[in-house]
Protein backbone atom coordinates (compact mmCIF):
# COMPACT_ATOMS: atom_id res chain seq x y z
CA MET A 1 25.03 113.27 -174.72
CA VAL A 2 24.61 115.23 -171.93
CA HIS A 3 21.64 117.25 -171.76
CA GLY A 4 20.47 120.61 -169.50
CA LEU A 5 22.43 122.89 -171.22
CA ARG A 6 19.58 125.81 -172.44
CA LEU A 7 20.32 128.06 -174.62
CA GLY A 8 20.00 131.68 -174.16
CA ARG A 9 22.26 134.54 -173.96
CA LEU A 10 25.43 133.75 -173.01
CA ARG A 11 27.93 135.66 -170.43
CA GLY A 12 31.09 134.83 -170.92
CA GLN A 13 33.83 135.23 -168.04
CA ARG A 14 37.23 135.34 -168.40
CA THR A 15 40.14 133.23 -166.22
CA GLY A 16 43.50 134.82 -166.20
CA ASP A 17 44.91 132.56 -168.97
CA GLY A 18 42.70 133.65 -171.36
CA ARG A 19 40.11 130.54 -170.89
CA THR A 20 36.02 131.58 -171.42
CA ILE A 21 34.13 129.63 -169.01
CA VAL A 22 30.20 130.39 -170.79
CA MET A 23 27.99 129.43 -166.86
CA LYS A 24 25.92 132.18 -166.42
CA MET A 25 22.22 132.71 -168.53
CA MET A 26 20.95 136.44 -169.17
CA ARG A 27 18.28 137.46 -168.12
CA THR A 28 15.39 135.89 -170.48
CA GLY A 29 14.94 137.36 -173.49
CA ALA A 30 14.89 136.73 -177.21
CA LEU A 31 18.38 136.40 -177.86
CA LEU A 32 19.26 132.81 -180.20
CA GLY A 33 22.62 131.69 -180.48
CA VAL A 34 24.96 128.74 -181.18
CA ALA A 35 27.64 127.63 -178.28
CA THR A 36 31.13 126.54 -180.15
CA LEU A 37 32.46 124.31 -177.62
CA CYS A 38 35.56 122.78 -176.79
CA LEU A 39 36.07 118.74 -176.52
CA THR A 40 39.92 118.78 -175.88
CA SER A 41 41.94 119.28 -172.39
CA VAL A 42 41.40 122.64 -170.76
CA GLN A 43 45.17 122.96 -172.35
CA GLY A 44 43.90 122.93 -175.98
CA CYS A 45 41.37 125.03 -174.74
CA LYS A 46 43.55 128.55 -174.85
CA GLY A 47 42.24 131.07 -177.36
CA GLU A 48 44.77 132.57 -179.28
CA ALA A 49 47.62 131.68 -177.67
CA ASP A 50 47.01 128.18 -179.32
CA ALA A 51 48.42 128.18 -183.10
CA GLY A 52 45.80 128.27 -185.11
CA GLY A 53 43.89 126.18 -183.19
CA SER A 54 44.35 123.02 -185.42
CA SER A 55 44.30 120.40 -182.03
CA ARG A 56 40.54 121.40 -181.04
CA GLN A 57 37.90 119.93 -181.17
CA THR A 58 34.43 120.73 -181.49
CA ALA A 59 31.03 120.19 -181.09
CA THR A 60 27.51 122.33 -181.81
CA VAL A 61 25.03 122.15 -179.08
CA ALA A 62 21.84 121.00 -180.55
CA ARG A 63 18.08 120.42 -179.42
CA ARG A 64 17.56 116.72 -179.93
CA ALA A 65 15.29 113.17 -178.15
CA PRO A 66 17.59 111.95 -175.12
CA PRO A 67 18.81 107.86 -175.45
CA ALA A 68 16.12 107.55 -172.61
CA ARG A 69 17.25 103.65 -172.26
CA ILE A 70 17.95 101.61 -169.83
CA GLN A 71 19.48 98.16 -171.17
CA ALA A 72 19.66 94.98 -168.93
CA THR A 73 20.11 90.81 -169.44
CA GLY A 74 17.54 88.66 -167.88
CA VAL A 75 15.84 85.78 -168.40
CA VAL A 76 12.38 84.10 -169.64
CA ARG A 77 10.78 82.56 -166.90
CA ALA A 78 7.51 81.07 -165.67
CA MET A 79 5.10 83.33 -163.50
CA VAL A 80 4.07 82.04 -160.27
CA GLY A 81 1.83 79.43 -160.38
CA ALA A 82 2.63 78.76 -164.27
CA GLU A 83 5.04 75.55 -163.76
CA VAL A 84 3.82 72.82 -161.73
CA ARG A 85 5.45 69.65 -160.32
CA VAL A 86 2.85 66.55 -160.07
CA GLY A 87 3.46 64.27 -158.09
CA SER A 88 1.71 61.31 -155.79
CA ARG A 89 -0.19 61.11 -152.27
CA ILE A 90 0.09 58.11 -151.52
CA SER A 91 2.97 55.51 -151.99
CA GLY A 92 2.68 52.27 -154.50
CA LYS A 93 3.33 50.94 -157.77
CA VAL A 94 2.80 53.24 -161.12
CA GLU A 95 0.48 51.40 -162.77
CA HIS A 96 0.52 53.55 -166.03
CA LEU A 97 2.02 56.36 -167.36
CA TYR A 98 0.16 58.56 -169.73
CA ALA A 99 1.97 61.70 -170.25
CA ASN A 100 4.96 62.28 -171.91
CA ILE A 101 8.20 65.22 -172.50
CA GLY A 102 6.53 67.59 -175.17
CA ASP A 103 2.66 66.66 -174.47
CA GLN A 104 -0.18 69.40 -174.06
CA VAL A 105 -2.41 68.42 -171.48
CA LYS A 106 -5.30 69.78 -169.83
CA ALA A 107 -6.79 70.45 -166.04
CA GLY A 108 -7.79 67.55 -164.87
CA ASP A 109 -6.53 65.17 -167.33
CA PRO A 110 -5.10 62.25 -166.40
CA ILE A 111 -0.90 61.77 -165.80
CA ALA A 112 -0.66 59.02 -164.15
CA LYS A 113 -2.47 56.03 -162.08
CA ILE A 114 -1.11 53.69 -158.70
CA GLU A 115 -2.31 50.46 -158.45
CA ASP A 116 -5.55 50.74 -156.41
CA THR A 117 -6.23 46.65 -155.47
CA ASP A 118 -5.12 47.71 -151.64
CA LEU A 119 -7.30 50.89 -151.61
CA ARG A 120 -10.35 48.97 -153.31
CA ALA A 121 -10.52 46.87 -150.61
CA ARG A 122 -10.18 49.21 -148.33
CA VAL A 123 -13.09 51.57 -148.92
CA ALA A 124 -15.52 47.38 -149.11
CA ARG A 125 -14.24 47.59 -145.45
CA ALA A 126 -15.29 51.48 -144.84
CA GLU A 127 -18.27 50.95 -146.31
CA ALA A 128 -19.20 47.77 -144.47
CA GLU A 129 -18.07 49.34 -140.84
CA LEU A 130 -20.74 52.01 -141.92
CA ALA A 131 -23.36 50.00 -142.55
CA SER A 132 -22.96 48.18 -139.29
CA ALA A 133 -22.76 51.30 -137.70
CA ARG A 134 -26.00 53.04 -138.86
CA ALA A 135 -27.68 49.72 -138.43
CA GLN A 136 -26.98 49.34 -134.45
CA LEU A 137 -28.07 53.30 -134.14
CA ALA A 138 -31.52 52.33 -135.63
CA LEU A 139 -32.43 49.02 -133.31
CA LEU A 140 -31.09 51.40 -130.65
CA GLN A 141 -33.48 54.34 -131.67
CA ARG A 142 -36.39 51.97 -132.35
CA GLY A 143 -36.53 50.23 -128.88
CA ALA A 144 -37.66 46.87 -128.41
CA ARG A 145 -39.75 44.56 -131.25
CA PRO A 146 -43.83 44.92 -130.61
CA GLU A 147 -44.30 41.98 -129.98
CA GLU A 148 -41.80 41.54 -127.03
CA ILE A 149 -43.80 45.20 -125.14
CA SER A 150 -46.93 43.18 -126.67
CA GLU A 151 -46.44 40.11 -124.39
CA ALA A 152 -44.81 41.77 -121.58
CA GLU A 153 -48.40 44.21 -121.24
CA ALA A 154 -50.02 40.50 -121.36
CA ILE A 155 -47.97 38.82 -118.24
CA LEU A 156 -48.96 42.51 -116.57
CA GLN A 157 -52.43 42.12 -116.90
CA GLN A 158 -52.37 38.27 -115.62
CA ALA A 159 -50.10 39.26 -112.37
CA LYS A 160 -52.85 42.14 -111.91
CA ALA A 161 -55.91 39.64 -112.28
CA GLU A 162 -54.68 37.66 -109.58
CA LEU A 163 -53.60 40.25 -107.13
CA PRO A 164 -57.33 40.76 -106.02
CA LEU A 165 -57.68 36.96 -105.81
CA ALA A 166 -54.95 36.55 -103.62
CA THR A 167 -55.89 39.42 -101.54
CA VAL A 168 -59.33 38.15 -100.72
CA GLU A 169 -58.31 34.85 -99.82
CA LEU A 170 -55.52 36.29 -97.00
CA GLU A 171 -58.84 37.93 -95.96
CA ARG A 172 -60.94 35.15 -95.55
CA GLN A 173 -57.96 32.79 -94.50
CA THR A 174 -57.49 36.22 -91.87
CA ARG A 175 -60.93 36.18 -89.87
CA LEU A 176 -61.60 31.92 -90.08
CA LEU A 177 -57.96 31.64 -88.39
CA ALA A 178 -59.45 34.39 -85.92
CA GLN A 179 -62.68 32.35 -85.63
CA GLU A 180 -60.59 29.08 -84.39
CA MET A 181 -62.07 27.45 -87.59
CA ALA A 182 -58.52 27.75 -89.89
CA ALA A 183 -55.55 26.86 -88.94
CA GLN A 184 -52.19 29.50 -89.41
CA GLU A 185 -50.40 27.41 -91.71
CA ALA A 186 -53.24 28.22 -94.22
CA ALA A 187 -53.35 31.96 -93.21
CA ASP A 188 -49.20 31.69 -93.66
CA ARG A 189 -49.49 30.34 -97.06
CA ALA A 190 -52.68 33.08 -98.51
CA GLN A 191 -49.78 35.68 -97.04
CA ARG A 192 -47.63 34.67 -99.47
CA ASP A 193 -49.62 34.07 -102.21
CA LEU A 194 -50.76 37.69 -101.94
CA SER A 195 -46.63 38.81 -101.54
CA VAL A 196 -45.98 36.92 -104.59
CA THR A 197 -48.33 37.96 -106.56
CA ARG A 198 -47.95 41.50 -105.74
CA GLY A 199 -43.94 41.08 -106.73
CA ARG A 200 -45.35 39.36 -110.11
CA VAL A 201 -47.52 42.92 -110.91
CA ALA A 202 -43.89 44.77 -110.26
CA ALA A 203 -42.06 43.21 -112.16
CA ALA A 204 -44.47 43.00 -115.60
CA ARG A 205 -44.84 46.42 -114.91
CA SER A 206 -41.20 47.14 -115.07
CA ARG A 207 -40.31 44.68 -118.16
CA VAL A 208 -42.94 46.93 -120.10
CA GLU A 209 -41.42 50.32 -118.93
CA PHE A 210 -37.79 48.55 -119.82
CA LEU A 211 -39.04 47.68 -123.44
CA LYS A 212 -40.61 51.28 -124.08
CA HIS A 213 -37.52 52.85 -122.95
CA ARG A 214 -35.30 50.39 -123.76
CA TYR A 215 -31.96 51.92 -124.38
CA LEU A 216 -30.78 55.28 -122.39
CA PRO A 217 -29.94 58.72 -124.34
CA GLU A 218 -26.38 58.08 -123.77
CA GLU A 219 -26.14 54.92 -125.68
CA ILE A 220 -27.93 56.59 -128.35
CA GLU A 221 -26.20 59.47 -128.92
CA LEU A 222 -22.54 56.82 -128.88
CA ALA A 223 -24.10 55.29 -131.55
CA GLU A 224 -24.24 58.33 -134.07
CA ALA A 225 -20.99 59.34 -133.61
CA GLN A 226 -20.17 55.65 -134.25
CA VAL A 227 -21.95 56.35 -138.03
CA THR A 228 -20.29 59.72 -137.95
CA LEU A 229 -16.66 58.08 -137.21
CA ALA A 230 -17.90 55.06 -139.98
CA GLU A 231 -19.17 57.88 -142.32
CA ALA A 232 -15.38 59.62 -142.07
CA GLY A 233 -13.27 56.33 -142.58
CA VAL A 234 -15.58 55.75 -145.72
CA ALA A 235 -14.69 59.11 -146.65
CA GLU A 236 -10.65 58.60 -146.18
CA ALA A 237 -11.16 55.28 -147.97
CA GLN A 238 -12.06 56.70 -151.44
CA ALA A 239 -10.02 60.06 -151.25
CA ASN A 240 -7.00 57.26 -151.07
CA LEU A 241 -8.70 55.83 -153.62
CA GLY A 242 -9.10 58.97 -155.54
CA TYR A 243 -5.29 59.46 -154.95
CA ALA A 244 -4.84 56.83 -157.46
CA THR A 245 -5.63 58.76 -160.30
CA ILE A 246 -3.00 61.48 -160.81
CA SER A 247 -4.34 64.36 -162.97
CA ALA A 248 -2.95 67.51 -164.31
CA PRO A 249 -4.27 70.61 -162.33
CA ILE A 250 -2.77 73.16 -164.73
CA SER A 251 -3.36 72.96 -168.80
CA GLY A 252 0.71 73.47 -170.10
CA VAL A 253 3.46 71.13 -171.44
CA VAL A 254 4.96 68.38 -170.19
CA ALA A 255 8.17 69.61 -169.67
CA GLN A 256 9.78 66.33 -167.45
CA VAL A 257 9.43 63.06 -166.84
CA THR A 258 10.59 62.30 -163.57
CA THR A 259 8.61 58.40 -162.98
CA GLN A 260 8.32 55.41 -165.18
CA GLU A 261 6.05 52.68 -165.49
CA GLY A 262 6.49 49.92 -162.91
CA GLU A 263 8.26 52.18 -159.99
CA THR A 264 7.63 51.89 -156.74
CA VAL A 265 6.97 55.11 -155.03
CA ALA A 266 6.79 56.66 -150.94
CA ALA A 267 4.76 59.27 -150.28
CA GLY A 268 6.85 60.50 -147.60
CA MET A 269 7.40 63.61 -146.23
CA SER A 270 7.29 65.06 -149.61
CA SER A 271 5.64 63.71 -152.88
CA PRO A 272 7.13 62.36 -155.28
CA THR A 273 7.61 64.13 -158.79
CA PHE A 274 6.12 62.09 -161.65
CA VAL A 275 6.03 65.01 -163.92
CA THR A 276 6.43 68.96 -164.44
CA ILE A 277 4.42 70.85 -166.35
CA ILE A 278 4.96 74.50 -167.79
CA ASP A 279 2.18 76.76 -168.93
CA LEU A 280 3.75 78.53 -171.77
CA ASP A 281 1.18 81.15 -172.02
CA ARG A 282 2.23 82.77 -168.57
CA LEU A 283 5.83 83.42 -169.09
CA GLU A 284 7.59 86.48 -167.48
CA VAL A 285 11.20 88.31 -167.72
CA ALA A 286 13.13 88.88 -165.13
CA ALA A 287 15.35 91.26 -166.07
CA TYR A 288 18.70 92.09 -163.83
CA VAL A 289 18.40 95.92 -163.58
CA ASP A 290 22.17 97.77 -162.21
CA GLU A 291 21.60 99.75 -158.83
CA VAL A 292 22.15 102.77 -160.85
CA ASP A 293 19.48 102.44 -162.98
CA ILE A 294 16.90 101.27 -161.27
CA GLY A 295 15.79 104.42 -159.50
CA ARG A 296 14.00 105.15 -163.01
CA VAL A 297 12.67 102.18 -163.41
CA THR A 298 8.92 102.35 -162.57
CA ILE A 299 5.65 100.09 -163.18
CA GLY A 300 3.64 100.26 -166.59
CA GLN A 301 7.22 101.21 -168.75
CA SER A 302 7.57 99.64 -172.00
CA ALA A 303 9.93 97.71 -173.23
CA THR A 304 11.68 95.26 -175.81
CA PHE A 305 14.02 92.27 -175.49
CA THR A 306 15.53 89.94 -177.45
CA VAL A 307 16.27 85.84 -177.38
CA ASP A 308 19.10 84.36 -178.93
CA SER A 309 17.22 82.12 -180.62
CA PHE A 310 15.25 85.14 -182.45
CA PRO A 311 17.65 87.40 -183.15
CA ASP A 312 15.96 89.53 -185.22
CA VAL A 313 12.69 89.52 -183.42
CA GLU A 314 12.26 92.09 -181.20
CA PHE A 315 9.15 91.39 -178.25
CA THR A 316 7.56 94.06 -175.78
CA GLY A 317 6.55 94.19 -172.62
CA LYS A 318 5.56 96.02 -169.79
CA VAL A 319 7.41 96.18 -166.26
CA THR A 320 5.07 94.55 -163.63
CA ALA A 321 7.22 94.68 -160.85
CA VAL A 322 10.04 95.69 -159.15
CA TYR A 323 11.93 93.69 -156.79
CA PRO A 324 12.73 95.41 -153.09
CA ARG A 325 15.77 92.68 -152.50
CA ALA A 326 18.88 93.04 -154.46
CA VAL A 327 20.49 90.22 -155.88
CA ILE A 328 24.12 90.45 -155.25
CA GLN A 329 26.88 88.59 -158.13
CA SER A 330 30.62 89.16 -158.30
CA ASN A 331 30.32 92.57 -156.14
CA VAL A 332 27.42 93.63 -158.50
CA VAL A 333 24.28 95.03 -157.57
CA ASN A 334 21.16 94.36 -159.29
CA TYR A 335 17.61 94.39 -158.87
CA ILE A 336 14.82 91.98 -160.23
CA THR A 337 12.18 94.09 -162.75
CA THR A 338 9.87 91.71 -164.34
CA LEU A 339 8.40 92.27 -167.78
CA SER A 340 4.82 91.07 -168.70
CA ILE A 341 5.03 89.80 -172.03
CA ASP A 342 2.66 88.03 -175.21
CA ASN A 343 3.75 84.37 -175.75
CA SER A 344 0.59 83.38 -177.58
CA GLU A 345 2.91 82.08 -180.75
CA GLY A 346 5.08 80.01 -178.42
CA ARG A 347 8.29 81.04 -180.00
CA LEU A 348 9.30 81.77 -176.35
CA LYS A 349 10.79 79.32 -173.67
CA PRO A 350 11.60 78.77 -170.09
CA ASP A 351 14.81 80.43 -169.03
CA MET A 352 16.31 81.71 -172.09
CA THR A 353 18.71 85.11 -171.86
CA ALA A 354 16.98 87.94 -172.69
CA THR A 355 18.74 91.51 -173.80
CA ILE A 356 16.32 94.08 -172.58
CA THR A 357 15.75 97.69 -173.76
CA ILE A 358 13.44 99.76 -170.84
CA VAL A 359 11.78 102.73 -172.21
CA LEU A 360 12.14 105.61 -169.70
CA ASP A 361 9.71 108.70 -169.67
CA GLN A 362 11.90 111.59 -171.10
CA PRO A 363 11.44 114.72 -173.10
CA ASN A 364 12.06 115.03 -176.39
CA ASP A 365 13.42 118.32 -177.19
CA VAL A 366 16.21 119.29 -175.02
CA PRO A 367 19.63 121.04 -175.43
CA ALA A 368 22.03 118.44 -175.49
CA VAL A 369 26.59 118.13 -175.63
CA PRO A 370 29.15 114.95 -176.29
CA GLU A 371 29.53 113.68 -172.48
CA LYS A 372 33.13 114.16 -173.25
CA ALA A 373 32.62 117.61 -172.88
CA LEU A 374 31.72 118.01 -169.34
CA ARG A 375 33.87 119.37 -166.80
CA SER A 376 33.86 118.78 -162.85
CA GLU A 377 35.28 121.11 -160.49
CA GLY A 378 33.97 122.57 -156.69
CA GLY A 379 31.32 119.41 -157.61
CA LYS A 380 29.49 121.01 -160.50
CA ARG A 381 29.67 120.24 -163.84
CA PHE A 382 30.00 123.11 -167.07
CA VAL A 383 32.22 122.77 -170.92
CA TYR A 384 34.16 125.11 -172.45
CA VAL A 385 33.38 128.08 -174.69
CA VAL A 386 36.16 128.69 -177.38
CA ASN A 387 34.13 131.42 -179.29
CA VAL A 388 30.71 133.13 -179.29
CA VAL A 389 29.65 133.36 -183.06
CA ASN A 390 26.04 134.53 -184.35
CA LEU A 391 25.18 135.75 -181.66
CA VAL A 392 22.02 137.70 -182.53
CA LEU A 393 18.96 138.92 -181.47
CA ALA A 394 15.64 138.35 -183.06
CA ASN A 395 16.18 141.67 -186.24
CA GLY A 396 19.86 140.36 -187.00
CA SER A 397 21.43 142.85 -184.59
CA ILE A 398 23.87 141.90 -182.04
CA PRO A 399 23.61 143.45 -178.82
CA GLU A 400 25.90 146.28 -177.91
CA GLN A 401 27.10 144.56 -174.66
CA GLU A 402 28.52 141.55 -176.54
CA LYS A 403 30.49 143.03 -179.90
CA GLY A 404 33.27 143.03 -177.74
CA LYS A 405 32.95 139.38 -177.03
CA ALA A 406 32.15 137.44 -180.33
CA SER A 407 35.39 136.64 -182.43
């Protein structure tokens, strides 16, 4: 039905061939009336020229609720993040596969296990390298052992004790040489002994300082960096060992299994898929709405749909999104409109075909005429009125200006 013909006072205009076109409304008043419309072609609306009017089809303007609905087809699908392909991040032989098609899994449940003998060996080697680096750092930070420092300090004290004696001996030999009571050789030997003693003191002092400050700050920093590197190696080895056990990232149903026990998988540019998990509690309907109707669809509108598996069950949903880009197939332009649904009973499955009805927000009481009664001319739409009958005022009388027009 076509809406929008308002009933009030009707003013008729006759054309040259006797047809009456009702196009205008009179000023507001209390007139109530019913218009009888001609549903045939223009030639069938000639008034008295049509013998008996037997070829006319008529309908009465009536107030009714308009069909404010949009029909579309679509498909049930998983929401973003509700379908996950679970794969392996490392290469190796599949030692165990715990999941089968149709199994219910929870997030964290093991799905498969990769052989991990070599991975455990890598962890042990990384831990040994870390222990070695930490020991080296501790040695540098501690410096020399206390007993080494004590021994060096004792040697220094002994050299210092010999220094005064060598100095006194040189002075005595120098005096005796001046008095010609000693040979030159004895004075030279005393000079040599003093120089040697001074050298021993200097060497002992340097040894003590070396032991107390054995390593440079740069050497300690390098050892600390080696420890950090070794810790990272352990973390990496342990992470790779953890990848050997593949767990479910989400809760759902195992929909597909693509790997079997005993197979060797290679993780290269893309991870090999073991299973596909779908969360059936997070499904939606993707409706393909024609471009003619998409302008009347807004977020929040209610919708109903049916699927072939349950033709007698009407499911409900709400419009959650309208895609801005069109999908063109066979020169037909459609826009994807998503509907939120409740699948708590688990009857809906991905890829089911859905027949959707979107309920629009429209008034419930408007004048309506059959669509085939409409005529177009000059960019305007109108209807032909055969007769105006029962055009009365509220008190039951016929207006004087309308008496000659009603037949």
